[in-house]
Amino acid sequence: MDPKWIQVLVMLLFSQKINSASAHVAKAKEGKDVSIQCTPKKDGASMVIWFRVLDKSGMEFIASVALSGQLKKSAHYFDQIFRLTESHTLTLKSFKREDSGIYSCACLVGGNRLEFGAVTKLELEEEIKKATEAPAPQLTAQMTTTNKCDCKDKDQTDSSMFCAPIILGPLAGGCGLLLLLLFITTIYCNKMRTRRCPHHHRRK
């Protein structure tokens, strides 16, 4: 059978198979090599065909390999990103995010029948970045300082306490003297009144 027709047949049959087949999920780190195992039934097989279905670009033919491991036909980019180890092991060199997708193989048996191997789904292993915790704010204790009383102010308050009796004493004495003068003036005025009006004194 013509290899071109084989590729078309593989793609058509595999597109129906991947809808129902459960793929083995493999995580791959970016920049690391990834080995993909695929061992279909080889009884009566003549060669192994590798292919992949990328998440962004669709189905691609990778290579067709003889059971002895000899590469028969390959994609133009094969040597850049793939390395073949025997017929059932395909190594993807320096995995990239764009290489994420489904990888599988199939054997051509009897020249007219395809036997598919295991389906592997490659996914990029995301690195979990630990969230940097913000340092807890440091509480600085604020010391409150109290101003000491100045001794000079204390002396001034004490002297003011002594000033009050000194001022109030003369004021009280002055008030008493005024009352005494008022009393004397009242008596004197009464006597002068009786002298000027003797008839009032006689009537009594």
C-alpha atoms as a PDB file:
ATOM      1  CA  MET A   1       0.000   0.000   0.000  1.00  0.00           C
ATOM      2  CA  ASP A   2       1.233   3.479  -0.798  1.00  0.00           C
ATOM      3  CA  PRO A   3       2.636   5.226   2.335  1.00  0.00           C
ATOM      4  CA  LYS A   4       0.602   8.334   1.545  1.00  0.00           C
ATOM      5  CA  TRP A   5      -2.623   6.363   1.595  1.00  0.00           C
ATOM      6  CA  ILE A   6      -1.504   4.702   4.801  1.00  0.00           C
ATOM      7  CA  GLN A   7      -1.055   8.103   6.442  1.00  0.00           C
ATOM      8  CA  VAL A   8      -4.510   9.207   5.344  1.00  0.00           C
ATOM      9  CA  LEU A   9      -6.042   5.984   6.584  1.00  0.00           C
ATOM     10  CA  VAL A  10      -4.289   6.280   9.936  1.00  0.00           C
ATOM     11  CA  MET A  11      -5.522   9.820  10.446  1.00  0.00           C
ATOM     12  CA  LEU A  12      -9.100   8.976   9.542  1.00  0.00           C
ATOM     13  CA  LEU A  13      -9.263   5.928  11.772  1.00  0.00           C
ATOM     14  CA  PHE A  14      -7.436   7.562  14.653  1.00  0.00           C
ATOM     15  CA  SER A  15      -9.716  10.621  14.603  1.00  0.00           C
ATOM     16  CA  GLN A  16     -12.591   8.234  15.334  1.00  0.00           C
ATOM     17  CA  LYS A  17     -10.632   6.301  17.939  1.00  0.00           C
ATOM     18  CA  ILE A  18      -9.522   9.240  20.110  1.00  0.00           C
ATOM     19  CA  ASN A  19     -13.128  10.226  20.786  1.00  0.00           C
ATOM     20  CA  SER A  20     -13.757   6.990  22.683  1.00  0.00           C
ATOM     21  CA  ALA A  21     -10.301   5.877  23.836  1.00  0.00           C
ATOM     22  CA  SER A  22      -9.091   6.954  27.248  1.00  0.00           C
ATOM     23  CA  ALA A  23      -5.676   8.576  26.898  1.00  0.00           C
ATOM     24  CA  HIS A  24      -2.874   8.214  29.412  1.00  0.00           C
ATOM     25  CA  VAL A  25      -2.063  11.707  30.686  1.00  0.00           C
ATOM     26  CA  ALA A  26       1.643  12.480  31.101  1.00  0.00           C
ATOM     27  CA  LYS A  27       3.009  15.699  32.585  1.00  0.00           C
ATOM     28  CA  ALA A  28       6.129  17.172  31.015  1.00  0.00           C
ATOM     29  CA  LYS A  29       8.347  20.042  32.098  1.00  0.00           C
ATOM     30  CA  GLU A  30       9.245  22.637  29.531  1.00  0.00           C
ATOM     31  CA  GLY A  31      12.730  22.110  28.112  1.00  0.00           C
ATOM     32  CA  LYS A  32      12.953  18.465  29.262  1.00  0.00           C
ATOM     33  CA  ASP A  33      13.026  15.301  27.136  1.00  0.00           C
ATOM     34  CA  VAL A  34       9.902  13.124  27.141  1.00  0.00           C
ATOM     35  CA  SER A  35       9.784   9.446  26.154  1.00  0.00           C
ATOM     36  CA  ILE A  36       6.519   8.130  24.692  1.00  0.00           C
ATOM     37  CA  GLN A  37       5.806   4.406  24.726  1.00  0.00           C
ATOM     38  CA  CYS A  38       3.505   2.803  22.167  1.00  0.00           C
ATOM     39  CA  THR A  39       3.445  -0.957  21.553  1.00  0.00           C
ATOM     40  CA  PRO A  40       0.685  -2.113  19.232  1.00  0.00           C
ATOM     41  CA  LYS A  41       0.195  -5.748  18.257  1.00  0.00           C
ATOM     42  CA  LYS A  42       3.029  -6.711  15.954  1.00  0.00           C
ATOM     43  CA  ASP A  43       1.827 -10.107  14.770  1.00  0.00           C
ATOM     44  CA  GLY A  44       2.050  -9.926  11.021  1.00  0.00           C
ATOM     45  CA  ALA A  45       2.921  -6.203  11.140  1.00  0.00           C
ATOM     46  CA  SER A  46       5.216  -4.661   8.584  1.00  0.00           C
ATOM     47  CA  MET A  47       5.841  -1.215  10.097  1.00  0.00           C
ATOM     48  CA  VAL A  48       4.857   1.224  12.864  1.00  0.00           C
ATOM     49  CA  ILE A  49       3.399   4.640  12.089  1.00  0.00           C
ATOM     50  CA  TRP A  50       3.752   7.493  14.612  1.00  0.00           C
ATOM     51  CA  PHE A  51       1.448  10.534  14.632  1.00  0.00           C
ATOM     52  CA  ARG A  52       0.170  13.212  16.980  1.00  0.00           C
ATOM     53  CA  VAL A  53      -2.799  15.552  17.384  1.00  0.00           C
ATOM     54  CA  LEU A  54      -1.683  18.911  18.781  1.00  0.00           C
ATOM     55  CA  ASP A  55      -4.020  21.097  20.810  1.00  0.00           C
ATOM     56  CA  LYS A  56      -3.566  24.096  18.515  1.00  0.00           C
ATOM     57  CA  SER A  57      -2.632  22.828  15.040  1.00  0.00           C
ATOM     58  CA  GLY A  58      -4.397  19.467  14.637  1.00  0.00           C
ATOM     59  CA  MET A  59      -3.212  16.042  13.431  1.00  0.00           C
ATOM     60  CA  GLU A  60       0.356  15.555  12.157  1.00  0.00           C
ATOM     61  CA  PHE A  61       2.278  12.620  10.711  1.00  0.00           C
ATOM     62  CA  ILE A  62       5.540  12.042  12.582  1.00  0.00           C
ATOM     63  CA  ALA A  63       7.253   9.024  11.037  1.00  0.00           C
ATOM     64  CA  SER A  64       6.931   5.472   9.768  1.00  0.00           C
ATOM     65  CA  VAL A  65       9.404   2.965  11.201  1.00  0.00           C
ATOM     66  CA  ALA A  66      10.260  -0.614  10.303  1.00  0.00           C
ATOM     67  CA  LEU A  67      10.019  -3.209  13.067  1.00  0.00           C
ATOM     68  CA  SER A  68      13.804  -3.322  13.088  1.00  0.00           C
ATOM     69  CA  GLY A  69      13.863   0.347  14.117  1.00  0.00           C
ATOM     70  CA  GLN A  70      14.923   1.716  10.744  1.00  0.00           C
ATOM     71  CA  LEU A  71      13.301   5.030   9.877  1.00  0.00           C
ATOM     72  CA  LYS A  72      11.449   4.772   6.556  1.00  0.00           C
ATOM     73  CA  LYS A  73       9.757   8.132   6.212  1.00  0.00           C
ATOM     74  CA  SER A  74       9.427  11.115   8.522  1.00  0.00           C
ATOM     75  CA  ALA A  75       8.176  14.675   8.757  1.00  0.00           C
ATOM     76  CA  HIS A  76      10.565  17.434   7.738  1.00  0.00           C
ATOM     77  CA  TYR A  77      10.990  18.552  11.371  1.00  0.00           C
ATOM     78  CA  PHE A  78      11.591  15.037  12.770  1.00  0.00           C
ATOM     79  CA  ASP A  79      15.345  15.294  13.396  1.00  0.00           C
ATOM     80  CA  GLN A  80      14.940  18.667  15.122  1.00  0.00           C
ATOM     81  CA  ILE A  81      12.484  17.660  17.820  1.00  0.00           C
ATOM     82  CA  PHE A  82      12.335  13.820  17.871  1.00  0.00           C
ATOM     83  CA  ARG A  83      14.648  10.918  18.528  1.00  0.00           C
ATOM     84  CA  LEU A  84      13.672   7.301  17.825  1.00  0.00           C
ATOM     85  CA  THR A  85      14.617   4.468  20.185  1.00  0.00           C
ATOM     86  CA  GLU A  86      13.552   1.205  18.570  1.00  0.00           C
ATOM     87  CA  SER A  87      10.154   1.149  16.893  1.00  0.00           C
ATOM     88  CA  HIS A  88       7.975   1.510  19.999  1.00  0.00           C
ATOM     89  CA  THR A  89       9.713   4.372  21.845  1.00  0.00           C
ATOM     90  CA  LEU A  90       9.647   7.950  20.613  1.00  0.00           C
ATOM     91  CA  THR A  91      11.576  10.666  22.472  1.00  0.00           C
ATOM     92  CA  LEU A  92      10.477  14.285  22.223  1.00  0.00           C
ATOM     93  CA  LYS A  93      13.505  16.528  22.686  1.00  0.00           C
ATOM     94  CA  SER A  94      13.136  19.740  24.684  1.00  0.00           C
ATOM     95  CA  PHE A  95       9.380  19.708  25.275  1.00  0.00           C
ATOM     96  CA  LYS A  96       7.569  23.003  24.653  1.00  0.00           C
ATOM     97  CA  ARG A  97       4.072  24.215  25.398  1.00  0.00           C
ATOM     98  CA  GLU A  98       3.253  24.000  21.674  1.00  0.00           C
ATOM     99  CA  ASP A  99       3.976  20.239  21.774  1.00  0.00           C
ATOM    100  CA  SER A 100       1.012  19.584  24.083  1.00  0.00           C
ATOM    101  CA  GLY A 101      -1.422  17.111  22.573  1.00  0.00           C
ATOM    102  CA  ILE A 102      -2.149  13.430  21.909  1.00  0.00           C
ATOM    103  CA  TYR A 103       0.570  11.009  20.726  1.00  0.00           C
ATOM    104  CA  SER A 104       0.051   7.457  19.477  1.00  0.00           C
ATOM    105  CA  CYS A 105       1.131   4.846  16.949  1.00  0.00           C
ATOM    106  CA  ALA A 106      -0.385   2.135  14.782  1.00  0.00           C
ATOM    107  CA  CYS A 107       0.873  -1.031  13.111  1.00  0.00           C
ATOM    108  CA  LEU A 108       0.018  -1.970   9.582  1.00  0.00           C
ATOM    109  CA  VAL A 109      -0.907  -5.652   9.717  1.00  0.00           C
ATOM    110  CA  GLY A 110      -1.223  -7.724   6.570  1.00  0.00           C
ATOM    111  CA  GLY A 111      -0.935  -4.622   4.431  1.00  0.00           C
ATOM    112  CA  ASN A 112      -4.592  -3.701   4.915  1.00  0.00           C
ATOM    113  CA  ARG A 113      -5.380  -3.566   8.671  1.00  0.00           C
ATOM    114  CA  LEU A 114      -4.313  -1.088  11.354  1.00  0.00           C
ATOM    115  CA  GLU A 115      -3.764  -1.956  14.993  1.00  0.00           C
ATOM    116  CA  PHE A 116      -3.527   1.090  17.299  1.00  0.00           C
ATOM    117  CA  GLY A 117      -1.349   1.263  20.361  1.00  0.00           C
ATOM    118  CA  ALA A 118      -1.731   3.201  23.598  1.00  0.00           C
ATOM    119  CA  VAL A 119      -2.735   6.858  23.452  1.00  0.00           C
ATOM    120  CA  THR A 120      -0.632   9.334  25.446  1.00  0.00           C
ATOM    121  CA  LYS A 121      -1.734  12.901  26.172  1.00  0.00           C
ATOM    122  CA  LEU A 122       1.171  15.231  26.921  1.00  0.00           C
ATOM    123  CA  GLU A 123       0.481  18.254  29.079  1.00  0.00           C
ATOM    124  CA  LEU A 124       2.748  20.979  30.338  1.00  0.00           C
ATOM    125  CA  GLU A 125       3.548  20.639  34.019  1.00  0.00           C
ATOM    126  CA  GLU A 126       2.937  24.035  35.513  1.00  0.00           C
ATOM    127  CA  GLU A 127       5.288  25.070  38.267  1.00  0.00           C
ATOM    128  CA  ILE A 128       3.460  25.995  41.423  1.00  0.00           C
ATOM    129  CA  LYS A 129       4.836  29.261  42.650  1.00  0.00           C
ATOM    130  CA  LYS A 130       4.616  29.826  46.333  1.00  0.00           C
ATOM    131  CA  ALA A 131       3.006  33.101  47.195  1.00  0.00           C
ATOM    132  CA  THR A 132       5.445  35.361  48.947  1.00  0.00           C
ATOM    133  CA  GLU A 133       4.031  36.255  52.274  1.00  0.00           C
ATOM    134  CA  ALA A 134       4.295  39.887  53.163  1.00  0.00           C
ATOM    135  CA  PRO A 135       6.229  40.392  56.395  1.00  0.00           C
ATOM    136  CA  ALA A 136       4.059  41.174  59.333  1.00  0.00           C
ATOM    137  CA  PRO A 137       4.198  44.845  60.276  1.00  0.00           C
ATOM    138  CA  GLN A 138       6.389  45.426  63.273  1.00  0.00           C
ATOM    139  CA  LEU A 139       4.722  47.390  65.996  1.00  0.00           C
ATOM    140  CA  THR A 140       7.086  49.890  67.550  1.00  0.00           C
ATOM    141  CA  ALA A 141       6.233  50.746  71.118  1.00  0.00           C
ATOM    142  CA  GLN A 142       6.024  54.480  71.536  1.00  0.00           C
ATOM    143  CA  MET A 143       7.401  55.631  74.867  1.00  0.00           C
ATOM    144  CA  THR A 144       5.480  58.518  76.366  1.00  0.00           C
ATOM    145  CA  THR A 145       7.708  60.798  78.362  1.00  0.00           C
ATOM    146  CA  THR A 146       6.276  62.999  81.073  1.00  0.00           C
ATOM    147  CA  ASN A 147       7.873  66.363  81.688  1.00  0.00           C
ATOM    148  CA  LYS A 148       9.029  66.844  85.205  1.00  0.00           C
ATOM    149  CA  CYS A 149       7.867  69.881  87.060  1.00  0.00           C
ATOM    150  CA  ASP A 150      10.421  72.590  87.346  1.00  0.00           C
ATOM    151  CA  CYS A 151      11.324  73.494  90.883  1.00  0.00           C
ATOM    152  CA  LYS A 152      11.117  77.179  90.037  1.00  0.00           C
ATOM    153  CA  ASP A 153       7.424  76.843  89.210  1.00  0.00           C
ATOM    154  CA  LYS A 154       6.879  75.089  92.507  1.00  0.00           C
ATOM    155  CA  ASP A 155       8.483  77.944  94.402  1.00  0.00           C
ATOM    156  CA  GLN A 156       6.281  80.413  92.589  1.00  0.00           C
ATOM    157  CA  THR A 157       3.093  78.572  93.524  1.00  0.00           C
ATOM    158  CA  ASP A 158       4.175  78.392  97.141  1.00  0.00           C
ATOM    159  CA  SER A 159       4.912  82.114  97.255  1.00  0.00           C
ATOM    160  CA  SER A 160       1.468  82.881  95.813  1.00  0.00           C
ATOM    161  CA  MET A 161      -0.109  80.999  98.697  1.00  0.00           C
ATOM    162  CA  PHE A 162       1.631  83.330 101.155  1.00  0.00           C
ATOM    163  CA  CYS A 163       0.624  86.420  99.203  1.00  0.00           C
ATOM    164  CA  ALA A 164      -3.085  85.896  99.872  1.00  0.00           C
ATOM    165  CA  PRO A 165      -3.029  86.462 103.666  1.00  0.00           C
ATOM    166  CA  ILE A 166      -0.754  89.465 103.294  1.00  0.00           C
ATOM    167  CA  ILE A 167      -3.186  91.170 100.928  1.00  0.00           C
ATOM    168  CA  LEU A 168      -6.385  90.128 102.672  1.00  0.00           C
ATOM    169  CA  GLY A 169      -5.145  91.282 106.096  1.00  0.00           C
ATOM    170  CA  PRO A 170      -4.915  95.000 105.305  1.00  0.00           C
ATOM    171  CA  LEU A 171      -8.175  94.860 103.379  1.00  0.00           C
ATOM    172  CA  ALA A 172      -9.984  93.411 106.364  1.00  0.00           C
ATOM    173  CA  GLY A 173      -8.391  95.987 108.648  1.00  0.00           C
ATOM    174  CA  GLY A 174      -9.378  98.814 106.316  1.00  0.00           C
ATOM    175  CA  CYS A 175     -12.973  97.601 106.222  1.00  0.00           C
ATOM    176  CA  GLY A 176     -13.062  97.456 110.005  1.00  0.00           C
ATOM    177  CA  LEU A 177     -11.692 100.972 110.268  1.00  0.00           C
ATOM    178  CA  LEU A 178     -14.336 102.266 107.868  1.00  0.00           C
ATOM    179  CA  LEU A 179     -17.075 100.645 109.921  1.00  0.00           C
ATOM    180  CA  LEU A 180     -15.682 102.220 113.074  1.00  0.00           C
ATOM    181  CA  LEU A 181     -15.558 105.665 111.464  1.00  0.00           C
ATOM    182  CA  LEU A 182     -19.121 105.221 110.234  1.00  0.00           C
ATOM    183  CA  PHE A 183     -20.277 104.321 113.735  1.00  0.00           C
ATOM    184  CA  ILE A 184     -18.512 107.317 115.287  1.00  0.00           C
ATOM    185  CA  THR A 185     -19.906 109.648 112.636  1.00  0.00           C
ATOM    186  CA  THR A 186     -23.420 108.415 113.284  1.00  0.00           C
ATOM    187  CA  ILE A 187     -23.132 109.042 117.043  1.00  0.00           C
ATOM    188  CA  TYR A 188     -21.632 112.466 116.480  1.00  0.00           C
ATOM    189  CA  CYS A 189     -24.402 113.496 114.115  1.00  0.00           C
ATOM    190  CA  ASN A 190     -27.049 112.437 116.617  1.00  0.00           C
ATOM    191  CA  LYS A 191     -25.490 114.568 119.362  1.00  0.00           C
ATOM    192  CA  MET A 192     -25.263 117.590 117.101  1.00  0.00           C
ATOM    193  CA  ARG A 193     -28.903 117.207 116.205  1.00  0.00           C
ATOM    194  CA  THR A 194     -30.061 117.194 119.811  1.00  0.00           C
ATOM    195  CA  ARG A 195     -28.081 120.341 120.576  1.00  0.00           C
ATOM    196  CA  ARG A 196     -29.624 122.280 117.723  1.00  0.00           C
ATOM    197  CA  CYS A 197     -33.182 121.228 118.613  1.00  0.00           C
ATOM    198  CA  PRO A 198     -33.470 121.591 122.459  1.00  0.00           C
ATOM    199  CA  HIS A 199     -37.303 121.559 122.411  1.00  0.00           C
ATOM    200  CA  HIS A 200     -37.242 117.980 121.280  1.00  0.00           C
ATOM    201  CA  HIS A 201     -35.111 117.128 124.261  1.00  0.00           C
ATOM    202  CA  ARG A 202     -37.442 118.939 126.695  1.00  0.00           C
ATOM    203  CA  ARG A 203     -40.544 117.157 125.453  1.00  0.00           C
ATOM    204  CA  LYS A 204     -38.947 113.871 126.285  1.00  0.00           C
END
